[in-house]
Amino acid sequence: MTEPDARSGLVPALVYAALSTAIVSSLGMLLVPTISREMDISVSTAQWMLTINLLVGAVATPVMGRLSDGPHKKRLLLWSLSIILAGSVIAAAAPNFTVFLAGRALQGLSYGIVPVTIALARRYVAAEKVRFSISSLSVTVATGLGVGYPLTGIIAGLFDFRFAFWFAALFVVTAIIVVFRIVPAGPDEQAPRVPFDYPGAGLLGLGLGILLLGVSEGPNWGWSSPWTNGAFIVAAAVLTAWIRTELRSRHPLVNLRVLRNGEVLLANGTAVGLGAAMYIGLSISSLIAQAPAATGYGIALPVFWAGFVMFPLSVGSFSANRLVRRLSHRIRLATLLPIGAGMMAAAGMLLWAAHTELWEILTGMLVLGLGMGTSYAAMPALIARSVATEELGSSVSFNQVLRTVGSSFGTAVSGAVLAAHMAPDLHPTGAGISTTLAIGALLCAVVFGFLLAHTLITRSRRAADGRPEARAGGKR
């Protein structure tokens, strides 16, 4: 297949590959109660299926991002999908929870798929379409979750959880076929050939792994326990060493100097805050959907129907991405961030105030999806126009890592608050649910406030300097 022919179907092929991230992610949160019951383990132990997936993802994402800046992008994507496929098969056929966790660990590479697809789009998509392609790839995960959750619920409800993992394996097989046939073969002769930063990869992986382990297990260990405090202290020391190593390296894993760019710093700061708030909203909504009506807030949906609660999220994020394209020549990318954060704050406030009826949850998910689609379309596009092409993969993957770190903090906050508000029947109390949703809403509001202030200050400075507004669809 010639390069022009490949380009015509490249973006749909990359979107399809990126959907594997959403499909694999949908196997986590929704199935924790099912795994606990089927494998005869406690819910807190079953939560490790999320924790270990997140830990591996945090380590793999920056490594895959840097490798995607090199000449072997297609090979990297195919190998990553193959490892995710192996993890899906292992999890589906696991005879016990230990083997199941090994499969979930291999599936953690799914977090690094989106940065690789973005690097491929930046290299092969026509210049006038690359920004919109990157935006579409960025919101693929949010859009795909709204499809993946219902599919997971249907399959697990009709059969059992193993069929859900077999379905994921089948989907990844088709993604491998699509990538093999459509994505241009390497090596990429335009890519720089520089030494890989092994010390930087090791320090970042170790630091993030210890940090996320402490955050994820803090509710179980106790936030004041020596284990939790020790994890945070060691993580801080390792990440400090990583920062020093990266600043001294000629070819760092993540070029931290680009954080001096205001738009890159803005996108990365937003990734942490909105990542935490998003996960709080998703996890609590999923919990409310499956909780018994006797709790006073539960909707008592079986797993078959519980996944459909996330479908409006997909509709909202997909619609927002299409709208961003239409408005791109009128609205700056930096302006889209506060708009998206404002919609997410509105969704958080809505869920906080009203969450005991199904229509209230569905409405909240729709608005949350609109905000996510808008914000996630802007973040990588801001980074892409602010960094050099050869550093795009590592810069976007670092943004993805920060989303993951934010999501992990959201998990920890949710777990800690709910653990402190547990009813005798081992379900969270209504007060615990409301408090957790309030934290998510207020976090979105704080992010929105900072972004709005930044936008107003930037506009006033541009007006004072007589500089024109840079539009999303304009040139760098």
Protein backbone atom coordinates (compact mmCIF):
# COMPACT_ATOMS: atom_id res chain seq x y z
CA MET A 1 0.00 0.00 0.00
CA THR A 2 1.44 3.38 -1.00
CA GLU A 3 1.70 6.22 1.52
CA PRO A 4 -1.08 8.37 -0.05
CA ASP A 5 -3.40 5.35 -0.10
CA ALA A 6 -2.55 4.55 3.52
CA ARG A 7 -3.20 8.12 4.62
CA SER A 8 -6.79 8.07 3.39
CA GLY A 9 -7.77 5.47 5.98
CA LEU A 10 -5.10 6.16 8.56
CA VAL A 11 -7.09 8.22 11.06
CA PRO A 12 -10.01 5.73 11.27
CA ALA A 13 -7.46 2.92 11.68
CA LEU A 14 -5.69 4.78 14.50
CA VAL A 15 -9.01 5.60 16.18
CA TYR A 16 -9.95 1.92 16.02
CA ALA A 17 -6.63 0.94 17.60
CA ALA A 18 -7.06 3.57 20.31
CA LEU A 19 -10.49 2.14 21.12
CA SER A 20 -8.69 -0.90 22.53
CA THR A 21 -7.75 1.34 25.46
CA ALA A 22 -11.42 2.09 26.16
CA ILE A 23 -12.49 -1.54 25.77
CA VAL A 24 -9.83 -2.76 28.18
CA SER A 25 -10.55 0.08 30.63
CA SER A 26 -14.25 -0.81 30.70
CA LEU A 27 -13.31 -4.25 32.07
CA GLY A 28 -12.16 -2.71 35.34
CA MET A 29 -14.48 -0.64 37.45
CA LEU A 30 -17.73 -2.29 36.39
CA LEU A 31 -16.52 -5.85 37.10
CA VAL A 32 -14.93 -5.40 40.55
CA PRO A 33 -18.05 -6.72 42.39
CA THR A 34 -18.30 -9.61 39.94
CA ILE A 35 -14.62 -10.60 40.31
CA SER A 36 -14.97 -10.42 44.09
CA ARG A 37 -17.92 -12.80 44.01
CA GLU A 38 -16.70 -15.21 41.32
CA MET A 39 -13.17 -15.61 42.71
CA ASP A 40 -14.26 -15.61 46.35
CA ILE A 41 -12.16 -12.67 47.45
CA SER A 42 -12.94 -9.43 49.25
CA VAL A 43 -13.88 -6.30 47.34
CA SER A 44 -10.73 -4.56 48.60
CA THR A 45 -8.61 -7.41 47.19
CA ALA A 46 -10.52 -7.33 43.92
CA GLN A 47 -9.65 -3.62 43.64
CA TRP A 48 -6.10 -4.74 42.82
CA MET A 49 -7.35 -5.52 39.31
CA LEU A 50 -7.58 -1.74 38.93
CA THR A 51 -4.46 -0.89 40.92
CA ILE A 52 -2.01 -3.16 39.10
CA ASN A 53 -3.41 -2.12 35.72
CA LEU A 54 -2.90 1.52 36.67
CA LEU A 55 0.62 0.95 38.01
CA VAL A 56 1.82 -0.78 34.84
CA GLY A 57 0.12 1.88 32.72
CA ALA A 58 1.89 4.69 34.58
CA VAL A 59 5.26 3.06 33.91
CA ALA A 60 4.58 2.00 30.32
CA THR A 61 3.01 5.22 29.03
CA PRO A 62 6.08 7.54 29.16
CA VAL A 63 8.31 4.78 27.80
CA MET A 64 5.96 4.13 24.88
CA GLY A 65 5.65 7.86 24.31
CA ARG A 66 9.38 8.32 23.92
CA LEU A 67 9.72 5.22 21.72
CA SER A 68 6.93 6.56 19.50
CA ASP A 69 9.16 9.56 18.68
CA GLY A 70 11.61 7.11 17.09
CA PRO A 71 11.59 5.41 13.69
CA HIS A 72 9.65 2.24 14.56
CA LYS A 73 6.18 3.59 15.39
CA LYS A 74 4.15 0.88 13.65
CA ARG A 75 6.26 -1.90 15.16
CA LEU A 76 5.78 -0.38 18.63
CA LEU A 77 2.00 -0.22 18.17
CA LEU A 78 1.79 -3.82 16.93
CA TRP A 79 3.94 -5.18 19.77
CA SER A 80 1.93 -3.22 22.35
CA LEU A 81 -1.37 -4.52 21.01
CA SER A 82 0.04 -8.05 20.99
CA ILE A 83 1.02 -7.80 24.67
CA ILE A 84 -2.44 -6.44 25.53
CA LEU A 85 -3.92 -9.36 23.61
CA ALA A 86 -1.83 -11.81 25.66
CA GLY A 87 -2.99 -10.11 28.85
CA SER A 88 -6.63 -10.37 27.80
CA VAL A 89 -6.30 -14.09 27.05
CA ILE A 90 -4.52 -14.75 30.36
CA ALA A 91 -7.21 -12.86 32.32
CA ALA A 92 -10.00 -14.69 30.48
CA ALA A 93 -8.53 -18.14 31.15
CA ALA A 94 -7.07 -17.45 34.62
CA PRO A 95 -7.63 -20.33 37.07
CA ASN A 96 -7.05 -18.07 40.10
CA PHE A 97 -6.78 -14.42 41.08
CA THR A 98 -2.96 -14.36 40.97
CA VAL A 99 -2.88 -15.39 37.31
CA PHE A 100 -5.77 -13.02 36.64
CA LEU A 101 -3.70 -10.14 38.03
CA ALA A 102 -0.82 -11.05 35.71
CA GLY A 103 -3.18 -10.66 32.77
CA ARG A 104 -4.45 -7.34 34.07
CA ALA A 105 -0.85 -6.14 34.43
CA LEU A 106 -0.13 -6.87 30.76
CA GLN A 107 -3.31 -5.03 29.82
CA GLY A 108 -1.80 -1.93 31.47
CA LEU A 109 0.04 -1.18 28.23
CA SER A 110 -3.29 0.03 26.87
CA TYR A 111 -2.67 3.40 28.56
CA GLY A 112 0.22 4.03 26.18
CA ILE A 113 -1.68 3.30 22.96
CA VAL A 114 -3.13 6.80 22.51
CA PRO A 115 0.26 8.62 22.58
CA VAL A 116 1.58 6.19 19.97
CA THR A 117 -1.41 6.75 17.68
CA ILE A 118 -1.03 10.52 18.10
CA ALA A 119 2.65 10.32 17.09
CA LEU A 120 1.64 8.34 13.99
CA ALA A 121 -1.00 10.91 13.10
CA ARG A 122 1.46 13.76 13.52
CA ARG A 123 3.89 12.03 11.16
CA TYR A 124 1.60 10.77 8.38
CA VAL A 125 -1.62 12.83 8.38
CA ALA A 126 -1.78 15.87 6.10
CA ALA A 127 -0.68 19.07 7.88
CA GLU A 128 -4.06 20.77 7.57
CA LYS A 129 -5.81 17.81 9.23
CA VAL A 130 -3.30 16.79 11.88
CA ARG A 131 -4.66 18.98 14.68
CA PHE A 132 -8.20 17.67 14.36
CA SER A 133 -6.90 14.12 14.07
CA ILE A 134 -5.02 14.51 17.34
CA SER A 135 -8.12 15.91 19.02
CA SER A 136 -10.20 12.99 17.80
CA LEU A 137 -7.67 10.46 19.07
CA SER A 138 -7.51 12.18 22.45
CA VAL A 139 -11.27 11.87 23.05
CA THR A 140 -11.42 8.32 21.72
CA VAL A 141 -11.00 6.86 25.21
CA ALA A 142 -13.79 8.98 26.68
CA THR A 143 -16.05 8.17 23.75
CA GLY A 144 -15.16 4.50 23.80
CA LEU A 145 -15.88 4.13 27.51
CA GLY A 146 -19.50 4.96 26.83
CA VAL A 147 -19.59 2.06 24.38
CA GLY A 148 -17.31 -0.31 26.28
CA TYR A 149 -19.24 -0.19 29.55
CA PRO A 150 -22.58 -1.25 28.03
CA LEU A 151 -20.88 -4.04 26.06
CA THR A 152 -19.09 -5.24 29.18
CA GLY A 153 -22.34 -5.16 31.16
CA ILE A 154 -24.27 -7.05 28.49
CA ILE A 155 -21.63 -9.76 28.08
CA ALA A 156 -21.03 -10.18 31.83
CA GLY A 157 -24.78 -10.15 32.48
CA LEU A 158 -25.65 -12.74 29.83
CA PHE A 159 -22.63 -15.02 30.37
CA ASP A 160 -19.85 -14.31 32.89
CA PHE A 161 -16.84 -12.04 33.29
CA ARG A 162 -14.56 -14.36 31.31
CA PHE A 163 -16.58 -13.77 28.13
CA ALA A 164 -16.01 -10.02 28.58
CA PHE A 165 -12.25 -10.59 28.54
CA TRP A 166 -12.53 -12.93 25.54
CA PHE A 167 -14.43 -10.16 23.75
CA ALA A 168 -11.61 -7.73 24.55
CA ALA A 169 -9.11 -10.22 23.12
CA LEU A 170 -11.15 -10.52 19.92
CA PHE A 171 -11.36 -6.75 19.58
CA VAL A 172 -7.60 -6.38 19.99
CA VAL A 173 -7.05 -9.05 17.31
CA THR A 174 -9.10 -7.01 14.85
CA ALA A 175 -7.18 -3.86 15.86
CA ILE A 176 -3.88 -5.64 15.13
CA ILE A 177 -5.16 -6.62 11.67
CA VAL A 178 -6.29 -3.06 10.92
CA VAL A 179 -2.98 -1.56 12.04
CA PHE A 180 -0.98 -4.13 10.06
CA ARG A 181 -2.91 -3.40 6.87
CA ILE A 182 -3.42 0.38 7.06
CA VAL A 183 -0.62 2.04 9.04
CA PRO A 184 2.44 2.87 6.87
CA ALA A 185 5.35 0.49 7.39
CA GLY A 186 8.52 1.75 9.01
CA PRO A 187 11.08 2.69 9.69
CA ASP A 188 10.27 6.40 9.66
CA GLU A 189 13.27 7.96 7.97
CA GLN A 190 12.38 11.42 9.29
CA ALA A 191 12.43 10.33 12.94
CA PRO A 192 15.52 11.16 14.99
CA ARG A 193 17.72 8.27 16.07
CA VAL A 194 18.83 9.13 19.58
CA PRO A 195 19.83 6.97 22.55
CA PHE A 196 16.99 5.84 24.79
CA ASP A 197 16.98 7.39 28.27
CA TYR A 198 17.13 4.22 30.38
CA PRO A 199 17.95 6.03 33.68
CA GLY A 200 15.06 8.45 33.14
CA ALA A 201 12.64 5.63 32.29
CA GLY A 202 13.69 3.63 35.34
CA LEU A 203 13.43 6.53 37.78
CA LEU A 204 10.10 7.79 36.42
CA GLY A 205 8.60 4.30 36.38
CA LEU A 206 9.79 3.58 39.92
CA GLY A 207 8.69 6.96 41.27
CA LEU A 208 5.25 6.87 39.70
CA GLY A 209 4.77 3.24 40.66
CA ILE A 210 5.53 3.92 44.33
CA LEU A 211 3.42 7.10 44.33
CA LEU A 212 0.37 5.44 42.79
CA LEU A 213 0.80 2.43 45.06
CA GLY A 214 0.67 4.71 48.10
CA VAL A 215 -2.33 6.60 46.75
CA SER A 216 -4.22 3.45 45.79
CA GLU A 217 -3.53 1.58 49.03
CA GLY A 218 -3.74 4.59 51.36
CA PRO A 219 -7.37 3.85 52.32
CA ASN A 220 -6.41 0.25 53.22
CA TRP A 221 -3.12 0.97 54.96
CA GLY A 222 -4.36 4.14 56.66
CA TRP A 223 -3.29 7.61 55.58
CA SER A 224 -1.12 8.11 58.67
CA SER A 225 0.46 4.64 58.60
CA PRO A 226 4.24 4.22 58.15
CA TRP A 227 3.64 2.32 54.89
CA THR A 228 1.69 5.19 53.32
CA ASN A 229 4.01 7.94 54.56
CA GLY A 230 7.04 5.89 53.56
CA ALA A 231 5.67 5.39 50.05
CA PHE A 232 5.12 9.13 49.58
CA ILE A 233 8.58 10.00 50.93
CA VAL A 234 10.36 7.47 48.73
CA ALA A 235 8.29 8.51 45.69
CA ALA A 236 9.17 12.18 46.26
CA ALA A 237 12.89 11.34 46.52
CA VAL A 238 12.88 9.17 43.39
CA LEU A 239 10.90 11.70 41.32
CA THR A 240 13.23 14.49 42.46
CA ALA A 241 16.16 12.42 41.25
CA TRP A 242 14.29 11.85 37.98
CA ILE A 243 13.77 15.59 37.45
CA ARG A 244 17.47 16.27 37.97
CA THR A 245 18.40 13.44 35.61
CA GLU A 246 16.06 14.69 32.88
CA LEU A 247 17.31 18.28 33.10
CA ARG A 248 20.90 17.08 32.68
CA SER A 249 20.23 14.58 29.89
CA ARG A 250 20.83 15.51 26.24
CA HIS A 251 18.02 13.16 25.16
CA PRO A 252 15.58 12.95 28.10
CA LEU A 253 12.60 10.63 28.30
CA VAL A 254 10.42 13.71 28.88
CA ASN A 255 11.76 17.13 27.99
CA LEU A 256 10.78 19.02 31.14
CA ARG A 257 11.97 22.27 29.64
CA VAL A 258 8.84 22.41 27.46
CA LEU A 259 6.85 22.86 30.69
CA ARG A 260 8.10 26.43 30.63
CA ASN A 261 5.68 26.94 27.75
CA GLY A 262 2.48 28.33 29.25
CA GLU A 263 0.13 26.29 27.05
CA VAL A 264 1.90 22.98 27.80
CA LEU A 265 1.87 23.73 31.54
CA LEU A 266 -1.80 24.69 31.29
CA ALA A 267 -2.69 21.41 29.56
CA ASN A 268 -0.73 19.30 32.04
CA GLY A 269 -2.14 21.03 35.11
CA THR A 270 -5.65 20.58 33.75
CA ALA A 271 -4.96 16.89 33.11
CA VAL A 272 -4.32 16.23 36.81
CA GLY A 273 -7.33 18.12 38.13
CA LEU A 274 -9.91 16.98 35.61
CA GLY A 275 -8.53 13.41 35.65
CA ALA A 276 -9.27 13.19 39.38
CA ALA A 277 -12.71 14.78 39.08
CA MET A 278 -13.64 12.61 36.10
CA TYR A 279 -12.82 9.38 37.91
CA ILE A 280 -14.79 10.46 40.99
CA GLY A 281 -17.85 11.09 38.83
CA LEU A 282 -17.54 7.84 36.89
CA SER A 283 -16.84 5.59 39.87
CA ILE A 284 -19.58 7.01 42.10
CA SER A 285 -22.15 6.97 39.30
CA SER A 286 -21.33 3.33 38.59
CA LEU A 287 -21.66 2.56 42.31
CA ILE A 288 -25.02 4.33 42.59
CA ALA A 289 -26.33 2.47 39.55
CA GLN A 290 -25.64 -0.95 41.11
CA ALA A 291 -26.37 -0.15 44.78
CA PRO A 292 -29.57 -1.61 46.34
CA ALA A 293 -32.59 0.67 46.62
CA ALA A 294 -32.51 0.10 50.41
CA THR A 295 -29.48 2.40 50.65
CA GLY A 296 -31.69 5.37 49.85
CA TYR A 297 -29.68 6.38 46.80
CA GLY A 298 -29.15 3.13 44.87
CA ILE A 299 -30.91 2.49 41.56
CA ALA A 300 -30.43 -1.31 41.89
CA LEU A 301 -29.55 -1.96 38.25
CA PRO A 302 -28.15 -5.42 37.40
CA VAL A 303 -24.74 -5.48 35.73
CA PHE A 304 -26.48 -6.08 32.38
CA TRP A 305 -28.01 -2.59 32.51
CA ALA A 306 -25.49 -0.78 34.72
CA GLY A 307 -23.06 -0.35 31.84
CA PHE A 308 -25.61 1.69 29.91
CA VAL A 309 -25.34 4.43 32.52
CA MET A 310 -22.06 5.42 30.83
CA PHE A 311 -23.49 5.55 27.31
CA PRO A 312 -24.45 9.26 27.50
CA LEU A 313 -20.77 9.90 28.31
CA SER A 314 -19.87 8.55 24.89
CA VAL A 315 -22.58 10.60 23.17
CA GLY A 316 -21.44 13.77 24.93
CA SER A 317 -17.72 13.36 24.24
CA PHE A 318 -18.29 12.44 20.59
CA SER A 319 -20.66 15.39 20.07
CA ALA A 320 -18.23 17.77 21.74
CA ASN A 321 -15.40 16.68 19.49
CA ARG A 322 -17.54 17.30 16.40
CA LEU A 323 -18.56 20.70 17.74
CA VAL A 324 -14.96 21.64 18.45
CA ARG A 325 -14.16 21.01 14.79
CA ARG A 326 -16.95 23.32 13.65
CA LEU A 327 -15.95 26.12 16.04
CA SER A 328 -12.19 25.68 15.69
CA HIS A 329 -11.74 28.75 13.49
CA ARG A 330 -13.59 30.98 15.94
CA ILE A 331 -12.39 29.81 19.34
CA ARG A 332 -8.80 29.49 20.60
CA LEU A 333 -7.65 26.11 21.89
CA ALA A 334 -6.77 27.66 25.25
CA THR A 335 -10.35 28.94 25.49
CA LEU A 336 -11.74 25.44 25.03
CA LEU A 337 -10.14 24.27 28.27
CA PRO A 338 -12.18 26.53 30.59
CA ILE A 339 -15.31 25.80 28.54
CA GLY A 340 -14.78 22.06 28.99
CA ALA A 341 -13.90 22.44 32.66
CA GLY A 342 -16.99 24.59 33.17
CA MET A 343 -19.23 21.89 31.70
CA MET A 344 -17.56 19.26 33.87
CA ALA A 345 -18.10 21.48 36.92
CA ALA A 346 -21.77 21.83 35.95
CA ALA A 347 -22.06 18.04 35.65
CA GLY A 348 -20.41 17.62 39.04
CA MET A 349 -22.79 20.11 40.66
CA LEU A 350 -25.77 18.36 39.05
CA LEU A 351 -24.70 14.94 40.30
CA TRP A 352 -23.99 16.33 43.75
CA ALA A 353 -27.43 17.91 44.00
CA ALA A 354 -29.46 15.12 42.35
CA HIS A 355 -28.30 11.50 41.99
CA THR A 356 -31.04 9.20 43.25
CA GLU A 357 -32.94 8.85 39.97
CA LEU A 358 -31.71 7.20 36.78
CA TRP A 359 -32.48 10.21 34.59
CA GLU A 360 -30.38 12.41 36.90
CA ILE A 361 -27.35 10.15 36.50
CA LEU A 362 -27.84 9.92 32.74
CA THR A 363 -28.06 13.71 32.44
CA GLY A 364 -24.95 14.14 34.56
CA MET A 365 -23.04 11.66 32.40
CA LEU A 366 -24.09 13.48 29.22
CA VAL A 367 -22.88 16.86 30.47
CA LEU A 368 -19.71 15.27 31.86
CA GLY A 369 -19.05 13.74 28.44
CA LEU A 370 -19.50 17.12 26.74
CA GLY A 371 -16.96 18.65 29.10
CA MET A 372 -14.52 15.78 28.75
CA GLY A 373 -14.75 15.81 24.96
CA THR A 374 -14.08 19.54 24.82
CA SER A 375 -11.17 19.50 27.28
CA TYR A 376 -9.52 16.35 25.99
CA ALA A 377 -9.70 17.64 22.41
CA ALA A 378 -7.84 20.79 23.42
CA MET A 379 -5.07 19.38 25.64
CA PRO A 380 -2.99 17.37 23.13
CA ALA A 381 -3.60 19.90 20.37
CA LEU A 382 -2.20 22.65 22.61
CA ILE A 383 0.86 20.50 23.27
CA ALA A 384 1.24 19.54 19.60
CA ARG A 385 1.45 23.15 18.44
CA SER A 386 3.85 24.09 21.25
CA VAL A 387 6.54 21.40 21.05
CA ALA A 388 8.82 20.12 18.33
CA THR A 389 7.64 17.17 16.25
CA GLU A 390 10.40 14.90 17.56
CA GLU A 391 9.22 15.47 21.15
CA LEU A 392 5.49 15.10 20.55
CA GLY A 393 5.19 11.48 21.66
CA SER A 394 6.94 12.00 24.99
CA SER A 395 5.11 15.27 25.68
CA VAL A 396 1.65 13.86 24.94
CA SER A 397 2.41 10.67 26.86
CA PHE A 398 3.45 12.74 29.88
CA ASN A 399 0.08 14.49 29.67
CA GLN A 400 -1.52 11.03 29.59
CA VAL A 401 0.52 10.01 32.66
CA LEU A 402 -0.76 13.06 34.52
CA ARG A 403 -4.34 12.09 33.64
CA THR A 404 -3.60 8.65 35.09
CA VAL A 405 -2.07 10.16 38.24
CA GLY A 406 -5.12 12.40 38.59
CA SER A 407 -7.44 9.43 38.16
CA SER A 408 -5.52 7.55 40.84
CA PHE A 409 -5.92 10.44 43.25
CA GLY A 410 -9.62 10.47 42.43
CA THR A 411 -9.74 6.78 43.29
CA ALA A 412 -7.97 7.35 46.59
CA VAL A 413 -10.23 10.24 47.58
CA SER A 414 -13.35 8.24 46.73
CA GLY A 415 -12.11 5.22 48.65
CA ALA A 416 -11.12 7.20 51.73
CA VAL A 417 -14.39 9.13 51.97
CA LEU A 418 -16.58 6.09 51.35
CA ALA A 419 -14.59 4.01 53.85
CA ALA A 420 -15.28 6.64 56.49
CA HIS A 421 -19.04 6.55 55.72
CA MET A 422 -19.85 2.84 55.63
CA ALA A 423 -23.24 1.48 56.70
CA PRO A 424 -23.64 -1.81 58.64
CA ASP A 425 -24.60 -3.59 55.40
CA LEU A 426 -21.15 -2.64 53.98
CA HIS A 427 -22.63 -0.20 51.47
CA PRO A 428 -21.61 3.48 51.61
CA THR A 429 -24.07 5.80 53.32
CA GLY A 430 -25.89 8.55 51.46
CA ALA A 431 -23.73 11.10 53.24
CA GLY A 432 -20.59 9.39 51.95
CA ILE A 433 -21.89 9.42 48.38
CA SER A 434 -22.87 13.11 48.59
CA THR A 435 -19.55 14.10 50.15
CA THR A 436 -17.55 12.33 47.45
CA LEU A 437 -19.59 13.91 44.66
CA ALA A 438 -19.18 17.30 46.34
CA ILE A 439 -15.38 16.91 46.30
CA GLY A 440 -15.45 16.08 42.58
CA ALA A 441 -17.70 19.05 41.80
CA LEU A 442 -15.59 21.49 43.82
CA LEU A 443 -12.39 20.19 42.24
CA CYS A 444 -13.82 20.88 38.77
CA ALA A 445 -14.93 24.33 39.93
CA VAL A 446 -11.41 25.15 41.17
CA VAL A 447 -9.85 24.03 37.87
CA PHE A 448 -12.44 26.03 35.97
CA GLY A 449 -11.69 29.12 38.07
CA PHE A 450 -7.95 28.93 37.39
CA LEU A 451 -8.47 28.35 33.66
CA LEU A 452 -10.96 31.20 33.37
CA ALA A 453 -8.59 33.58 35.17
CA HIS A 454 -5.73 32.51 32.88
CA THR A 455 -7.84 33.10 29.78
CA LEU A 456 -8.94 36.57 30.89
CA ILE A 457 -5.40 37.59 31.85
CA THR A 458 -4.00 36.30 28.53
CA ARG A 459 -6.63 38.17 26.52
CA SER A 460 -5.95 41.42 28.36
CA ARG A 461 -2.22 41.06 27.73
CA ARG A 462 -2.80 40.33 24.03
CA ALA A 463 -5.04 43.35 23.75
CA ALA A 464 -2.48 45.54 25.48
CA ASP A 465 0.30 44.29 23.17
CA GLY A 466 -1.90 44.57 20.09
CA ARG A 467 -1.45 40.91 19.20
CA PRO A 468 -4.21 39.03 17.33
CA GLU A 469 -5.98 36.04 18.86
CA ALA A 470 -4.58 32.69 17.70
CA ARG A 471 -7.42 30.45 16.55
CA ALA A 472 -7.62 26.73 16.98
CA GLY A 473 -7.69 26.18 13.27
CA GLY A 474 -4.93 28.62 12.51
CA LYS A 475 -1.27 28.02 11.99
CA ARG A 476 1.37 27.92 14.63
